[in-house]
Protein backbone atom coordinates (compact mmCIF):
# COMPACT_ATOMS: atom_id res chain seq x y z
CA MET A 1 72.33 -50.99 23.89
CA ASP A 2 73.91 -47.56 23.13
CA SER A 3 71.18 -46.03 21.58
CA SER A 4 67.59 -46.90 20.32
CA PRO A 5 66.96 -47.35 16.57
CA PHE A 6 63.94 -45.07 17.06
CA ASN A 7 65.82 -41.91 18.14
CA ARG A 8 65.04 -38.91 15.98
CA SER A 9 67.32 -39.12 12.73
CA GLY A 10 67.12 -38.06 9.44
CA LEU A 11 66.54 -41.70 8.40
CA THR A 12 63.48 -42.12 10.35
CA GLN A 13 60.99 -39.00 10.22
CA ARG A 14 58.55 -40.01 13.05
CA SER A 15 56.17 -36.82 12.87
CA PRO A 16 54.40 -36.62 9.28
CA PRO A 17 53.97 -33.08 8.52
CA PRO A 18 50.75 -31.42 9.15
CA THR A 19 47.89 -31.72 6.46
CA PRO A 20 47.93 -28.66 4.25
CA THR A 21 44.94 -26.72 4.53
CA PRO A 22 43.32 -26.23 0.92
CA THR A 23 42.31 -22.96 -0.07
CA GLN A 24 38.49 -23.37 -0.20
CA PRO A 25 36.43 -20.93 -2.37
CA GLN A 26 33.58 -18.85 -0.75
CA GLN A 27 30.76 -21.16 -0.36
CA PRO A 28 27.02 -20.13 -1.07
CA SER A 29 25.45 -18.80 2.14
CA ARG A 30 22.09 -20.42 1.27
CA GLU A 31 21.12 -23.64 3.32
CA ARG A 32 21.26 -26.90 1.50
CA ALA A 33 18.17 -28.66 1.10
CA GLN A 34 19.72 -32.12 1.36
CA GLU A 35 22.27 -33.22 4.20
CA GLU A 36 25.83 -33.44 2.71
CA GLU A 37 28.03 -36.61 3.43
CA LYS A 38 30.41 -36.19 6.27
CA LEU A 39 34.07 -36.88 5.41
CA GLU A 40 35.55 -38.91 8.21
CA LEU A 41 39.20 -38.50 8.76
CA VAL A 42 41.89 -39.31 11.14
CA SER A 43 43.75 -36.15 12.60
CA THR A 44 47.21 -35.44 12.55
CA PRO A 45 47.40 -35.54 16.27
CA GLU A 46 45.93 -39.02 16.30
CA ILE A 47 48.54 -40.34 13.87
CA GLN A 48 51.41 -38.78 15.98
CA ASN A 49 50.03 -40.53 19.04
CA TRP A 50 50.03 -43.87 17.34
CA LEU A 51 53.68 -43.21 15.94
CA SER A 52 54.81 -42.59 19.49
CA SER A 53 53.08 -45.71 20.58
CA ILE A 54 54.50 -47.97 17.77
CA GLU A 55 57.98 -46.31 18.56
CA GLN A 56 57.68 -47.11 22.35
CA HIS A 57 56.88 -50.62 21.69
CA LEU A 58 59.59 -51.10 19.29
CA ALA A 59 62.29 -49.68 21.78
CA GLU A 60 60.88 -51.94 24.45
CA VAL A 61 61.49 -55.02 22.25
CA CYS A 62 65.13 -53.84 21.60
CA ALA A 63 65.77 -53.39 25.27
CA ILE A 64 64.43 -56.86 26.01
CA SER A 65 66.57 -58.46 23.29
CA SER A 66 69.67 -56.57 24.38
CA GLU A 67 69.09 -58.03 27.86
CA GLY A 68 68.55 -61.42 26.95
CA LYS A 69 70.66 -64.27 26.34
CA LEU A 70 71.12 -63.84 22.41
CA ASN A 71 74.28 -63.50 20.66
CA SER A 72 75.33 -60.26 19.03
CA GLU A 73 74.20 -61.20 15.41
CA GLN A 74 70.76 -62.03 16.76
CA LYS A 75 70.57 -58.80 18.69
CA LEU A 76 71.66 -56.62 15.87
CA LYS A 77 69.02 -58.47 13.53
CA ILE A 78 66.52 -57.58 15.82
CA SER A 79 67.58 -54.07 16.15
CA ASN A 80 67.63 -53.61 12.09
CA LEU A 81 64.15 -55.16 11.94
CA CYS A 82 62.54 -52.85 14.56
CA ARG A 83 64.21 -49.80 12.59
CA LYS A 84 62.76 -51.00 9.47
CA VAL A 85 59.29 -51.44 11.08
CA GLY A 86 59.35 -48.02 12.36
CA TYR A 87 60.50 -46.36 9.12
CA GLY A 88 57.68 -48.39 7.30
CA VAL A 89 55.03 -47.03 9.60
CA SER A 90 56.54 -43.54 9.53
CA GLN A 91 56.26 -43.50 5.53
CA LEU A 92 52.65 -45.16 5.74
CA ALA A 93 51.81 -42.20 7.74
CA VAL A 94 53.13 -39.74 5.54
CA LYS A 95 51.40 -41.37 2.62
CA TYR A 96 48.18 -41.19 4.40
CA GLN A 97 48.59 -37.40 5.14
CA SER A 98 49.05 -37.02 1.46
CA LEU A 99 45.91 -39.03 0.72
CA LYS A 100 43.80 -37.19 3.20
CA SER A 101 44.98 -33.69 1.63
CA ASN A 102 43.85 -35.02 -1.69
CA ALA A 103 40.31 -36.35 -0.28
CA VAL A 104 39.75 -33.30 1.43
CA MET A 105 40.19 -31.01 -1.79
CA THR A 106 38.03 -33.57 -3.71
CA HIS A 107 35.57 -33.30 -0.91
CA ASN A 108 35.33 -29.73 -1.10
CA SER A 109 35.09 -29.69 -4.83
CA LEU A 110 32.19 -32.14 -4.94
CA LYS A 111 30.70 -29.89 -2.33
CA ILE A 112 31.15 -26.69 -4.84
CA LEU A 113 29.71 -28.72 -7.60
CA ARG A 114 26.68 -29.63 -5.75
CA GLU A 115 26.02 -26.03 -4.95
CA ASP A 116 26.45 -25.30 -8.43
CA ARG A 117 24.00 -27.80 -9.43
CA ASP A 118 21.49 -26.75 -6.96
CA LEU A 119 22.03 -22.89 -8.23
CA ARG A 120 21.46 -24.20 -11.68
CA ASP A 121 18.34 -26.07 -10.91
CA CYS A 122 16.99 -22.92 -8.89
CA VAL A 123 17.83 -20.65 -12.09
CA LEU A 124 16.01 -23.07 -14.33
CA GLU A 125 12.95 -23.10 -12.14
CA VAL A 126 12.89 -19.37 -11.89
CA ASN A 127 13.14 -19.20 -15.76
CA ARG A 128 10.35 -21.87 -16.01
CA THR A 129 8.15 -19.92 -13.64
CA ILE A 130 8.77 -16.41 -15.54
CA LYS A 131 7.81 -18.19 -18.81
CA GLU A 132 4.60 -19.30 -17.48
CA SER A 133 3.80 -15.88 -15.86
CA CYS A 134 4.64 -14.33 -19.20
CA GLY A 135 2.37 -16.80 -20.99
CA ARG A 136 -0.57 -16.29 -18.57
CA GLN A 137 -0.13 -12.35 -18.67
CA ALA A 138 -0.58 -12.39 -22.29
CA THR A 139 -4.16 -13.46 -21.99
CA ALA A 140 -4.84 -11.92 -18.46
CA THR A 141 -6.94 -8.72 -17.72
CA SER A 142 -4.91 -5.48 -17.36
CA SER A 143 -2.82 -4.68 -14.54
CA PHE A 144 -1.54 -1.15 -13.90
CA ALA A 145 1.75 -2.12 -15.49
CA ASP A 146 -0.36 -3.15 -18.69
CA MET A 147 -2.01 0.32 -18.74
CA VAL A 148 1.46 2.19 -18.76
CA LYS A 149 2.98 -0.44 -21.32
CA LYS A 150 -0.02 -0.58 -23.66
CA GLY A 151 0.62 1.01 -26.80
CA SER A 152 -2.56 1.24 -28.93
CA ASN A 153 -5.82 2.05 -26.92
CA SER A 154 -8.98 -0.02 -27.02
CA PHE A 155 -12.44 0.75 -25.42
CA VAL A 156 -13.56 -1.13 -22.27
CA ARG A 157 -16.92 -2.73 -23.30
CA PRO A 158 -19.30 -3.85 -20.59
CA ASN A 159 -21.47 -6.91 -21.13
CA THR A 160 -24.57 -6.32 -23.20
CA PHE A 161 -27.04 -7.95 -20.92
CA SER A 162 -29.42 -5.43 -19.05
CA SER A 163 -29.87 -5.00 -15.15
CA VAL A 164 -32.41 -3.89 -12.81
CA ALA A 165 -32.28 -2.88 -9.09
CA ILE A 166 -35.01 -4.10 -6.77
CA TYR A 167 -35.26 -2.60 -3.22
CA PRO A 168 -37.50 -3.14 -0.18
CA ARG A 169 -39.43 -0.23 1.02
CA ASP A 170 -38.98 -1.41 4.44
CA ASN A 171 -35.17 -0.39 5.08
CA THR A 172 -34.79 -3.01 7.81
CA LYS A 173 -35.09 -6.02 5.38
CA THR A 174 -31.98 -7.60 4.14
CA SER A 175 -31.01 -8.66 0.79
CA ASP A 176 -31.83 -12.30 1.22
CA GLU A 177 -35.39 -11.36 2.41
CA THR A 178 -35.65 -9.46 -0.70
CA LYS A 179 -34.34 -12.33 -2.85
CA ASN A 180 -36.84 -14.63 -1.16
CA ILE A 181 -39.94 -12.34 -1.96
CA VAL A 182 -38.71 -11.98 -5.79
CA GLN A 183 -38.26 -15.78 -6.05
CA LYS A 184 -41.75 -16.43 -4.82
CA ILE A 185 -43.40 -13.94 -7.30
CA VAL A 186 -41.34 -14.30 -10.27
CA CYS A 187 -41.18 -17.87 -12.19
CA PRO A 188 -38.42 -17.35 -14.98
CA SER A 189 -39.86 -20.72 -16.65
CA GLU A 190 -43.31 -19.40 -17.10
CA MET A 191 -42.27 -15.70 -17.82
CA LYS A 192 -39.66 -17.23 -20.19
CA LEU A 193 -37.15 -15.06 -18.65
CA LYS A 194 -33.29 -15.51 -19.44
CA VAL A 195 -31.75 -14.54 -16.11
CA ARG A 196 -28.02 -13.87 -16.33
CA GLY A 197 -27.17 -13.29 -12.68
CA VAL A 198 -28.53 -12.27 -9.20
CA ARG A 199 -26.43 -10.37 -6.63
CA LYS A 200 -26.89 -8.56 -3.43
CA ILE A 201 -26.27 -4.99 -3.04
CA GLY A 202 -26.68 -2.35 -0.19
CA LYS A 203 -29.94 -1.18 1.52
CA GLY A 204 -31.30 -4.65 1.23
CA GLY A 205 -31.57 -4.74 -2.59
CA LEU A 206 -30.70 -6.92 -5.53
CA ILE A 207 -29.22 -6.54 -8.95
CA ILE A 208 -31.03 -8.90 -11.56
CA SER A 209 -29.28 -9.16 -14.95
CA THR A 210 -31.13 -10.55 -17.94
CA GLU A 211 -30.21 -11.51 -21.48
CA THR A 212 -32.32 -8.89 -23.09
CA LYS A 213 -34.01 -5.63 -22.59
CA GLU A 214 -37.26 -7.54 -23.36
CA ASP A 215 -36.61 -9.72 -20.53
CA LEU A 216 -36.06 -6.92 -18.22
CA ASP A 217 -39.32 -5.09 -19.38
CA LYS A 218 -41.42 -8.21 -18.57
CA LEU A 219 -39.54 -8.04 -14.88
CA LYS A 220 -40.56 -4.36 -14.59
CA LYS A 221 -44.08 -4.88 -15.47
CA THR A 222 -44.60 -7.64 -12.89
CA VAL A 223 -47.39 -5.98 -10.91
CA GLN A 224 -46.95 -8.12 -7.62
CA LEU A 225 -43.55 -6.98 -7.16
CA ALA A 226 -44.91 -3.48 -6.37
CA SER A 227 -47.70 -4.87 -4.32
CA SER A 228 -45.12 -6.96 -2.22
CA GLY A 229 -43.30 -3.75 -0.69
CA LEU A 230 -40.65 -3.69 -3.42
CA THR A 231 -39.44 -0.91 -5.77
CA ILE A 232 -38.12 -1.39 -9.19
CA ASP A 233 -35.44 1.06 -10.51
CA ASP A 234 -32.61 1.11 -12.83
CA PRO A 235 -29.05 0.52 -10.87
CA GLN A 236 -27.23 3.52 -10.26
CA LYS A 237 -23.91 3.25 -12.22
CA ARG A 238 -20.63 4.88 -11.62
CA LYS A 239 -18.89 7.44 -13.76
CA PRO A 240 -15.93 5.97 -15.72
CA ARG A 241 -12.36 6.58 -14.32
CA ILE A 242 -9.51 7.37 -16.69
CA ILE A 243 -5.82 7.43 -15.99
CA VAL A 244 -3.34 10.06 -17.38
CA LEU A 245 0.09 8.75 -17.45
CA GLY A 246 3.34 10.75 -17.01
CA VAL A 247 1.69 14.22 -15.86
CA PRO A 248 4.37 16.49 -14.87
CA ALA A 249 4.39 16.71 -11.06
CA SER A 250 5.39 20.32 -11.08
CA LEU A 251 2.02 21.30 -12.54
CA ALA A 252 -0.86 21.83 -10.04
CA GLU A 253 -4.18 20.18 -10.42
CA ASN A 254 -6.23 23.05 -11.75
CA GLU A 255 -3.21 23.69 -14.34
CA VAL A 256 -3.56 20.04 -15.72
CA PHE A 257 -7.50 20.02 -15.80
CA ASN A 258 -7.36 23.42 -17.78
CA CYS A 259 -4.66 22.00 -20.13
CA ILE A 260 -6.99 18.75 -20.60
CA TYR A 261 -9.87 21.27 -21.51
CA ASP A 262 -8.22 23.72 -23.59
CA GLN A 263 -5.63 21.45 -25.65
CA ASN A 264 -7.95 18.38 -25.90
CA LEU A 265 -11.62 19.09 -25.66
CA THR A 266 -12.67 22.55 -27.11
CA ASP A 267 -13.01 21.02 -30.77
CA LYS A 268 -14.40 17.75 -29.75
CA LEU A 269 -17.11 19.03 -27.34
CA PRO A 270 -17.62 22.67 -28.74
CA THR A 271 -20.81 22.88 -26.64
CA MET A 272 -19.43 22.11 -23.37
CA THR A 273 -18.15 25.13 -21.43
CA LYS A 274 -14.75 25.05 -19.20
CA ASP A 275 -17.10 25.59 -15.96
CA ALA A 276 -19.46 22.88 -17.06
CA PHE A 277 -16.03 20.53 -17.72
CA LEU A 278 -14.69 21.42 -14.31
CA THR A 279 -17.43 20.81 -12.29
CA SER A 280 -18.30 17.34 -14.06
CA ILE A 281 -14.76 15.99 -13.30
CA LYS A 282 -13.22 14.87 -10.26
CA LEU A 283 -9.58 13.72 -9.20
CA SER A 284 -9.88 10.22 -7.80
CA HIS A 285 -6.28 10.05 -6.71
CA LYS A 286 -2.78 10.19 -7.93
CA SER A 287 -0.26 7.44 -8.31
CA GLY A 288 3.60 7.22 -8.60
CA ARG A 289 6.54 7.97 -6.60
CA LYS A 290 6.63 10.90 -4.35
CA ASP A 291 9.91 12.08 -5.54
CA ALA A 292 9.28 11.45 -9.16
CA GLU A 293 9.12 14.19 -11.85
CA ASN A 294 5.91 12.65 -13.30
CA CYS A 295 2.93 11.15 -11.76
CA ASN A 296 -0.30 9.53 -12.95
CA TYR A 297 -3.90 11.09 -12.62
CA ILE A 298 -6.88 8.96 -11.99
CA ILE A 299 -9.77 11.17 -13.00
CA GLU A 300 -13.58 10.42 -12.56
CA VAL A 301 -15.24 11.93 -15.88
CA PRO A 302 -18.73 11.68 -17.53
CA ALA A 303 -18.99 9.08 -20.40
CA SER A 304 -19.00 11.68 -23.12
CA ILE A 305 -15.89 13.25 -21.83
CA ARG A 306 -14.12 9.71 -21.42
CA LYS A 307 -15.32 8.61 -24.87
CA ALA A 308 -13.68 11.75 -26.49
CA LEU A 309 -10.50 11.38 -24.60
CA ILE A 310 -9.92 7.73 -24.81
CA VAL A 311 -10.58 7.94 -28.78
CA GLN A 312 -7.67 10.32 -28.96
CA ASP A 313 -5.38 7.91 -27.17
CA ARG A 314 -3.07 10.54 -25.66
CA LEU A 315 -3.62 13.96 -23.92
CA PHE A 316 -1.74 16.79 -24.30
CA VAL A 317 -0.99 18.73 -20.97
CA ASN A 318 1.29 21.85 -21.58
CA TRP A 319 4.44 20.70 -23.19
CA THR A 320 3.91 17.00 -22.52
CA SER A 321 2.03 14.17 -24.52
CA CYS A 322 0.46 11.89 -21.89
CA PRO A 323 -1.06 8.39 -22.60
CA VAL A 324 -4.65 7.98 -21.60
CA ARG A 325 -6.36 4.82 -20.44
CA ASP A 326 -9.49 3.33 -18.92
CA PHE A 327 -8.87 2.95 -15.34
CA THR A 328 -10.66 -0.35 -14.23
CA LEU A 329 -8.64 -1.84 -11.62
CA VAL A 330 -10.64 -3.32 -8.96
CA THR A 331 -9.62 -2.81 -5.25
CA ARG A 332 -8.57 -5.71 -3.30
CA CYS A 333 -8.68 -5.83 0.51
CA TYR A 334 -5.40 -7.18 1.96
CA LYS A 335 -7.29 -7.84 5.10
CA CYS A 336 -9.82 -10.32 4.11
CA GLN A 337 -8.50 -10.93 0.58
CA GLN A 338 -11.94 -10.11 -1.05
CA TYR A 339 -12.52 -7.58 -3.71
CA GLY A 340 -14.41 -4.23 -3.80
CA HIS A 341 -13.15 -2.68 -0.88
CA ALA A 342 -9.90 -1.39 0.89
CA ALA A 343 -8.16 -2.88 4.18
CA LYS A 344 -9.03 0.61 5.96
CA THR A 345 -12.75 -0.15 5.43
CA CYS A 346 -12.89 -3.50 6.05
CA LYS A 347 -15.50 -4.91 8.49
CA VAL A 348 -14.06 -8.22 9.21
CA ALA A 349 -12.52 -8.81 12.54
CA ALA A 350 -9.93 -11.56 11.70
CA PRO A 351 -7.53 -11.25 8.87
CA THR A 352 -7.12 -13.94 6.17
CA CYS A 353 -3.62 -15.09 4.63
CA GLY A 354 -3.11 -14.27 1.27
CA HIS A 355 -0.82 -17.13 0.92
CA CYS A 356 -2.49 -20.32 2.48
CA GLY A 357 -5.98 -18.69 2.57
CA GLU A 358 -6.65 -19.58 6.47
CA GLU A 359 -8.24 -17.04 8.67
CA GLY A 360 -6.71 -15.97 11.86
CA HIS A 361 -3.22 -14.75 10.51
CA THR A 362 -1.66 -12.14 8.15
CA THR A 363 0.31 -13.18 4.93
CA GLN A 364 3.37 -11.69 6.53
CA ASP A 365 3.04 -14.12 9.67
CA CYS A 366 2.22 -17.21 7.62
CA THR A 367 4.19 -20.45 8.66
CA LYS A 368 3.32 -22.18 5.52
CA LYS A 369 5.07 -20.13 2.91
CA ALA A 370 6.96 -23.34 1.73
CA ASP A 371 3.84 -24.83 0.57
CA THR A 372 1.94 -24.11 -2.58
CA PRO A 373 -0.24 -21.06 -2.41
CA LYS A 374 -3.98 -21.10 -2.35
CA CYS A 375 -6.39 -18.32 -3.57
CA ALA A 376 -8.08 -17.19 -0.16
CA THR A 377 -10.81 -15.44 -2.52
CA CYS A 378 -11.68 -18.80 -4.14
CA LEU A 379 -11.42 -20.80 -0.92
CA ARG A 380 -14.07 -18.59 0.56
CA PHE A 381 -16.55 -19.40 -2.24
CA LYS A 382 -15.50 -23.04 -2.17
CA LYS A 383 -14.03 -22.90 -5.69
CA PRO A 384 -10.87 -24.58 -6.99
CA ALA A 385 -7.99 -22.50 -5.36
CA ASN A 386 -4.68 -23.88 -6.48
CA HIS A 387 -3.46 -20.39 -7.71
CA LYS A 388 -2.20 -17.32 -5.91
CA THR A 389 -4.62 -14.76 -4.42
CA GLY A 390 -4.74 -12.01 -6.98
CA ASP A 391 -3.62 -14.27 -9.76
CA PRO A 392 -4.43 -12.60 -13.25
CA GLU A 393 -6.39 -15.72 -14.22
CA CYS A 394 -8.08 -16.20 -10.80
CA PRO A 395 -11.82 -16.57 -11.60
CA ALA A 396 -12.84 -14.54 -8.50
CA LYS A 397 -10.80 -11.50 -9.68
CA LYS A 398 -12.14 -11.72 -13.25
CA SER A 399 -15.73 -11.98 -11.87
CA ALA A 400 -14.89 -9.00 -9.59
CA GLU A 401 -13.57 -6.95 -12.71
CA ASN A 402 -16.51 -7.94 -14.83
CA ARG A 403 -19.02 -6.66 -12.09
CA TYR A 404 -16.98 -3.42 -11.67
CA ILE A 405 -17.09 -2.64 -15.44
CA ASN A 406 -20.73 -3.39 -15.80
CA SER A 407 -21.30 -1.17 -12.78
CA ILE A 408 -19.91 1.90 -14.87
CA ASP A 409 -21.87 4.11 -17.17
CA TYR A 410 -20.15 3.88 -20.34
CA GLU A 411 -23.40 4.70 -22.64
CA GLY A 412 -22.40 1.92 -24.90
CA ALA A 413 -18.93 3.33 -25.70
């Protein structure tokens, strides 16, 4: 045979064109939560190998037929059939490459659609969380942002029940020992006392809160308490703290205090001298960015000054009108996740996680951040903890805020 019917020619294109690489849009960098389906394809080199193998086998068929005892017509017929088979296989390969290209583009489009769907679900979840959070904030206790945004001012009012402090004369006794002595001496049912709460304080003492002042008087007149080595006294209350928002940072502390007195108090408290005012107040701390033009002053003041300033709603400091609010934010320790002290004064050895509520690691090192958060404060007191630590609706936080407010001397303001 002069030439093989499978030699390269314009009639029979053996090697199909390479699969065009579709332009893929940039994929989102985030990891997918579920494993994607893998697209299985036959590569172009594999197809070319198949075509070469078929071409070789057909060439062998033609060679055998040309050497056999066949007449010219039979040999020509076999040669034509082999040519048609080779051409058909070549066209089949071309069609497959075209289908493969479409399949790759379709697969990538589906992948993008899945990513878009996941992104949409995430956005919807974020919106839902924001709405729920906003709904909770509507009834939640004040945060620092609330103090800044709040338009009209209102008095913080402590609970109306009365309290008494009981201390042991022996400084070595604990609050638990003091509590045991009191419970042995005082019987609320016999004395018809309405006790609202009992809590431990420093120096081995207790704070006992009653519904009315009459109940408190009954408790104070209990002779056995004094004879049992206990002393009864009114609880020492803190001075109120106010926050003055947007004070020009360029003003010195003494300039701000002078402005508060001269521009805001001389007509409201005419009997108070400036010296008496300056000695009765104390700057607790400042807040705000260091490089900002304005800052916030948190000032400890007597109840009378606090009442006069809070009623005014705004303080005039030099050329600035500054909102003034009660400052009742309770300190939370980010080491043990309890309220009433800061991390730098915490006496607990091991940290407590603010996410999972477990002891032994910090919030930053928590390995369960994908799990639902648990309130570390409520877990410690074996209360329902299916909320974040520090959540505005946290019962432990509300209780700490109420205790703090009731420990302040507002003089019924």
